[in-house]
Amino acid sequence: MGVILSFNGRKAILRRGEWRSPDPRLEERLRRTTEEWFAETGGPALRARDPEAEVARAVAERAGGRVVLHVPADARREGRLYFRRRQMRLPFMD
């Protein structure tokens, strides 16, 4: 359902693969960090019980934040969402 992270008192929410924060710079930093993590690792495990939680923990670790609250997501729905994100993008396809 969603994960709330804290970064030195600034909050951000990851829900359905999208970062939201009142701080636009933090939101953009989390989006970039997520994309970098996906490029380096391929994203959460294909059979992850809660892919969104895996993404949030990995990004929090890289960006210096911590998970404050986690509400488990529907594993099947989130699995499909993150599976689509892990697909390779080729430059000639744009």
Protein backbone atom coordinates (compact mmCIF):
# COMPACT_ATOMS: atom_id res chain seq x y z
CA MET A 1 0.00 0.00 0.00
CA GLY A 2 2.79 2.43 0.78
CA VAL A 3 6.00 3.22 2.58
CA ILE A 4 6.83 6.45 4.40
CA LEU A 5 10.48 7.44 4.69
CA SER A 6 12.16 10.18 6.66
CA PHE A 7 15.24 12.12 5.56
CA ASN A 8 16.38 14.42 8.37
CA GLY A 9 12.79 15.33 9.20
CA ARG A 10 11.63 15.58 5.59
CA LYS A 11 9.10 12.92 4.64
CA ALA A 12 8.53 11.06 1.40
CA ILE A 13 6.01 8.40 0.41
CA LEU A 14 6.50 5.58 -2.08
CA ARG A 15 3.17 4.29 -3.34
CA ARG A 16 2.52 2.28 -6.50
CA GLY A 17 6.04 2.96 -7.70
CA GLU A 18 5.85 6.75 -7.40
CA TRP A 19 7.63 9.01 -4.94
CA ARG A 20 5.73 11.90 -3.37
CA SER A 21 7.14 14.55 -1.07
CA PRO A 22 6.40 18.15 -0.13
CA ASP A 23 10.08 18.81 -0.91
CA PRO A 24 10.45 18.72 -4.73
CA ARG A 25 14.25 18.35 -4.54
CA LEU A 26 13.95 15.32 -2.27
CA GLU A 27 11.30 13.82 -4.53
CA GLU A 28 13.53 14.22 -7.59
CA ARG A 29 16.54 12.80 -5.73
CA LEU A 30 14.53 9.73 -4.73
CA ARG A 31 13.33 9.22 -8.30
CA ARG A 32 16.90 9.39 -9.61
CA THR A 33 18.17 7.08 -6.87
CA THR A 34 15.42 4.58 -7.67
CA GLU A 35 16.25 4.61 -11.38
CA GLU A 36 19.97 4.16 -10.62
CA TRP A 37 19.19 1.27 -8.29
CA PHE A 38 17.02 -0.38 -10.95
CA ALA A 39 19.75 0.06 -13.57
CA GLU A 40 22.39 -1.46 -11.27
CA THR A 41 20.39 -4.31 -9.71
CA GLY A 42 17.36 -4.95 -11.90
CA GLY A 43 15.00 -3.93 -9.11
CA PRO A 44 13.26 -6.04 -6.50
CA ALA A 45 13.32 -9.82 -6.70
CA LEU A 46 10.82 -11.26 -9.19
CA ARG A 47 9.04 -13.18 -6.44
CA ALA A 48 9.34 -10.55 -3.73
CA ARG A 49 6.56 -10.65 -1.13
CA ASP A 50 6.49 -6.84 -1.05
CA PRO A 51 8.45 -5.28 -3.94
CA GLU A 52 7.58 -1.75 -2.84
CA ALA A 53 9.15 -2.32 0.58
CA GLU A 54 12.32 -3.67 -1.09
CA VAL A 55 12.55 -0.56 -3.27
CA ALA A 56 11.96 1.77 -0.32
CA ARG A 57 14.57 0.07 1.89
CA ALA A 58 17.18 0.10 -0.88
CA VAL A 59 16.57 3.76 -1.72
CA ALA A 60 16.51 4.77 1.96
CA GLU A 61 19.87 3.08 2.48
CA ARG A 62 21.42 4.78 -0.54
CA ALA A 63 19.91 8.21 0.12
CA GLY A 64 20.47 8.33 3.87
CA GLY A 65 16.90 7.94 5.05
CA ARG A 66 14.94 5.52 7.17
CA VAL A 67 11.63 3.72 6.86
CA VAL A 68 9.10 5.21 9.28
CA LEU A 69 5.95 3.30 8.30
CA HIS A 70 5.24 0.40 6.00
CA VAL A 71 1.81 -0.83 4.96
CA PRO A 72 2.19 -4.02 2.91
CA ALA A 73 1.10 -3.82 -0.69
CA ASP A 74 -0.68 -6.38 -2.84
CA ALA A 75 2.30 -8.48 -3.96
CA ARG A 76 0.79 -9.48 -7.32
CA ARG A 77 -0.17 -5.95 -8.35
CA GLU A 78 3.13 -4.46 -7.22
CA GLY A 79 5.06 -7.32 -8.80
CA ARG A 80 3.50 -6.52 -12.19
CA LEU A 81 4.20 -2.82 -11.73
CA TYR A 82 7.87 -3.33 -10.92
CA PHE A 83 8.28 -6.03 -13.57
CA ARG A 84 7.33 -3.47 -16.22
CA ARG A 85 9.90 -1.04 -14.81
CA ARG A 86 12.69 -3.57 -15.04
CA GLN A 87 12.30 -3.93 -18.82
CA MET A 88 15.33 -2.72 -20.72
CA ARG A 89 15.03 0.53 -22.64
CA LEU A 90 16.93 0.64 -25.90
CA PRO A 91 17.95 4.02 -27.37
CA PHE A 92 16.45 3.36 -30.81
CA MET A 93 13.03 2.64 -29.27
CA ASP A 94 12.44 6.22 -28.09
